[in-house]
Every structure is written in structure tokens, then in C-alpha cells.
Amino acid sequence: MAEMLTGGCLCGAVRYTYEGDVGPAGYCHCEDCRRTSGGAFGVSVRVAAAGFRVVAGAPKSFVKLGDSGRAVARFFCGDCGSPLYTLPPLHPDVVFIKAGSLDNPDAVRPNRQAWMRSRVDWAEIDPSITSYETNRVGAQQKARHNGRAL
């Protein structure tokens, strides 16, 4: 079902809109997401790049090799530093919006978590959601749901 999402940074200099189907949201425990969020994990929602538009301001970006070995472009406000979205290198048709930048963060509900091997001990998330030791991609990936391997 198509939805309209809006969001932006803390200072209001950068604003975006998204219109289209909203994909799954998830927690990421990798070191890069922890550092960019300033917390124990990052929370992002997958959307189609075709429906995503920056409508005010010009976000800055930072490109770094992730744990996957691929370059990941992270976009943020150059004035206040708020993380806004990430562009995954393998999927140019997708944008991962940072859930905390949404005007209505209740529009998404994370149902998975990735990079569990990097999780900090003091951050506990509902153990019933699907969990991945690294990311979802890869043959050696083992997903767990309710404590059982999938």
C-alpha cells in the first residue's frame, strides 16, 4: 500500500518526502550504524529510490567501506549533523531512510535486526524478531527467529 512519508533533520535545513510502498524496517548493530546514530544501533526503513526526494536543503554525504567490504554512502545535514538516509551500493533502486528522521516515526515498525555479532550487551531488542549475525545477504548467513535457526 502506497504511503506518503516526510522527514528531515533537527535544524530543519534538509527535508525529504517519500511516496510509495514502505518496505521493512530493521535495527542494525554494526559499528558504523552505532557511530552514525550515536546510540546502540541504527534503525532504517527500506523505500524505493524512485519515490524519494530531497525537497529542501542539500545533505552532505560520507562514503566509507562497511563491514561488507562495500562502499556505503551515508547522508546527513551539514549544519546539525542529523543522519538522514543511506544509499546501498548493490541496490541503486533503494534508499534506507533513518527512522529517527521521519516526522512520524510510528509509520514504521522494525521487524528484523542485523549484525548481531556486533551488538552491544546493554542493548536489548525484542528477541522474537528475525536476527542475522551479519547482514541478510550471503550464503553463510544464518537467520534466527524465536531462538531457532531459519
Protein backbone atom coordinates (compact mmCIF):
# COMPACT_ATOMS: atom_id res chain seq x y z
CA MET A 1 0.00 0.00 0.00
CA ALA A 2 1.46 3.35 -1.05
CA GLU A 3 2.14 5.84 1.70
CA MET A 4 3.49 9.37 2.00
CA LEU A 5 6.37 9.87 4.40
CA THR A 6 8.05 13.15 5.26
CA GLY A 7 11.08 13.90 7.34
CA GLY A 8 14.21 15.90 7.82
CA CYS A 9 16.97 16.97 10.11
CA LEU A 10 16.94 18.51 13.59
CA CYS A 11 17.53 22.09 12.44
CA GLY A 12 15.09 21.89 9.52
CA ALA A 13 17.63 22.77 6.82
CA VAL A 14 17.15 19.45 4.98
CA ARG A 15 13.70 18.00 4.25
CA TYR A 16 12.63 14.98 2.22
CA THR A 17 9.46 13.25 1.06
CA TYR A 18 8.73 9.70 0.03
CA GLU A 19 5.68 8.43 -1.80
CA GLY A 20 5.27 4.73 -2.46
CA ASP A 21 5.29 1.38 -0.78
CA VAL A 22 7.15 1.32 2.52
CA GLY A 23 9.42 -1.67 2.92
CA PRO A 24 10.60 -3.40 6.07
CA ALA A 25 12.35 -1.55 8.85
CA GLY A 26 15.16 -3.00 10.89
CA TYR A 27 17.74 -2.44 13.56
CA CYS A 28 21.42 -2.53 12.57
CA HIS A 29 24.05 -3.22 15.22
CA CYS A 30 27.14 -2.70 13.05
CA GLU A 31 29.81 -0.36 14.36
CA ASP A 32 29.18 2.19 11.60
CA CYS A 33 25.45 2.45 12.39
CA ARG A 34 26.21 2.78 16.10
CA ARG A 35 28.65 5.60 15.43
CA THR A 36 26.42 7.47 12.98
CA SER A 37 23.36 7.18 15.24
CA GLY A 38 25.23 7.96 18.44
CA GLY A 39 23.38 5.05 20.05
CA ALA A 40 23.44 1.29 20.42
CA PHE A 41 22.07 0.69 16.89
CA GLY A 42 20.66 2.36 13.82
CA VAL A 43 17.06 1.98 12.66
CA SER A 44 16.27 2.28 8.95
CA VAL A 45 13.34 1.64 6.65
CA ARG A 46 13.75 0.50 3.04
CA VAL A 47 11.95 2.52 0.36
CA ALA A 48 12.09 2.72 -3.43
CA ALA A 49 14.54 5.34 -4.68
CA ALA A 50 12.04 6.38 -7.36
CA GLY A 51 9.66 7.80 -4.74
CA PHE A 52 12.29 9.53 -2.56
CA ARG A 53 13.01 13.26 -2.99
CA VAL A 54 15.07 15.79 -1.08
CA VAL A 55 12.79 18.84 -1.19
CA ALA A 56 14.81 21.36 0.86
CA GLY A 57 18.49 21.83 1.52
CA ALA A 58 21.46 19.83 0.30
CA PRO A 59 22.58 16.99 2.54
CA LYS A 60 26.25 16.17 2.83
CA SER A 61 27.49 12.63 2.39
CA PHE A 62 30.23 10.45 3.74
CA VAL A 63 31.35 7.30 1.93
CA LYS A 64 33.09 4.51 3.83
CA LEU A 65 33.72 0.82 3.29
CA GLY A 66 31.34 -1.10 5.51
CA ASP A 67 31.94 -4.44 7.21
CA SER A 68 30.65 -6.00 3.99
CA GLY A 69 33.66 -4.54 2.14
CA ARG A 70 31.41 -2.33 0.00
CA ALA A 71 31.34 1.45 -0.04
CA VAL A 72 28.24 2.85 1.68
CA ALA A 73 27.11 6.46 1.20
CA ARG A 74 25.52 7.99 4.30
CA PHE A 75 23.70 11.31 4.01
CA PHE A 76 23.30 13.84 6.82
CA CYS A 77 22.64 17.52 7.47
CA GLY A 78 25.83 19.55 7.16
CA ASP A 79 24.52 22.07 9.70
CA CYS A 80 23.18 19.97 12.60
CA GLY A 81 24.67 16.56 11.72
CA SER A 82 21.41 14.60 11.78
CA PRO A 83 21.66 11.28 9.90
CA LEU A 84 19.00 11.12 7.17
CA TYR A 85 19.43 8.20 4.77
CA THR A 86 21.85 5.67 3.30
CA LEU A 87 22.33 4.51 -0.29
CA PRO A 88 23.33 0.84 -0.56
CA PRO A 89 25.89 0.12 -3.31
CA LEU A 90 24.32 -3.13 -4.51
CA HIS A 91 20.80 -1.75 -4.79
CA PRO A 92 20.67 1.67 -6.52
CA ASP A 93 16.88 1.37 -6.64
CA VAL A 94 16.64 1.50 -2.81
CA VAL A 95 17.06 4.18 -0.13
CA PHE A 96 17.31 3.37 3.58
CA ILE A 97 15.68 6.25 5.47
CA LYS A 98 16.84 6.71 9.07
CA ALA A 99 13.66 6.15 11.10
CA GLY A 100 14.57 8.84 13.64
CA SER A 101 14.45 11.47 10.87
CA LEU A 102 10.82 10.73 10.00
CA ASP A 103 8.20 13.28 11.03
CA ASN A 104 6.08 10.32 12.14
CA PRO A 105 8.44 7.55 13.30
CA ASP A 106 5.40 5.44 14.25
CA ALA A 107 4.89 4.91 10.49
CA VAL A 108 7.46 2.11 10.65
CA ARG A 109 7.90 -0.87 12.94
CA PRO A 110 11.23 -2.76 12.83
CA ASN A 111 10.79 -6.49 12.33
CA ARG A 112 14.41 -7.62 11.97
CA GLN A 113 17.90 -6.91 13.23
CA ALA A 114 21.26 -7.34 11.53
CA TRP A 115 24.92 -7.51 12.53
CA MET A 116 24.09 -9.26 15.80
CA ARG A 117 27.73 -10.25 16.16
CA SER A 118 28.47 -6.53 16.71
CA ARG A 119 25.62 -5.92 19.18
CA VAL A 120 26.49 -4.24 22.47
CA ASP A 121 25.48 -6.24 25.55
CA TRP A 122 23.46 -3.42 27.11
CA ALA A 123 21.04 -3.01 24.17
CA GLU A 124 18.14 -5.45 24.26
CA ILE A 125 15.57 -5.68 21.47
CA ASP A 126 12.59 -8.00 21.26
CA PRO A 127 14.22 -11.43 20.82
CA SER A 128 11.25 -12.74 18.82
CA ILE A 129 12.14 -10.75 15.68
CA THR A 130 14.30 -12.27 12.96
CA SER A 131 18.02 -11.73 13.63
CA TYR A 132 21.07 -12.03 11.40
CA GLU A 133 24.69 -12.46 12.53
CA THR A 134 25.83 -10.06 9.78
CA ASN A 135 23.51 -8.82 7.04
CA ARG A 136 20.77 -10.65 5.13
CA VAL A 137 22.87 -11.17 2.01
CA GLY A 138 25.22 -14.12 1.76
CA ALA A 139 25.11 -17.88 1.69
CA GLN A 140 26.74 -18.29 5.09
CA GLN A 141 24.11 -16.09 6.70
CA LYS A 142 22.14 -17.74 9.47
CA ALA A 143 18.89 -16.12 10.46
CA ARG A 144 17.30 -16.80 13.79
CA HIS A 145 13.68 -16.37 14.77
CA ASN A 146 12.44 -17.13 18.27
CA GLY A 147 15.83 -18.66 19.06
CA ARG A 148 15.65 -21.17 16.17
CA ALA A 149 17.77 -21.19 13.02
CA LEU A 150 15.77 -20.47 9.86
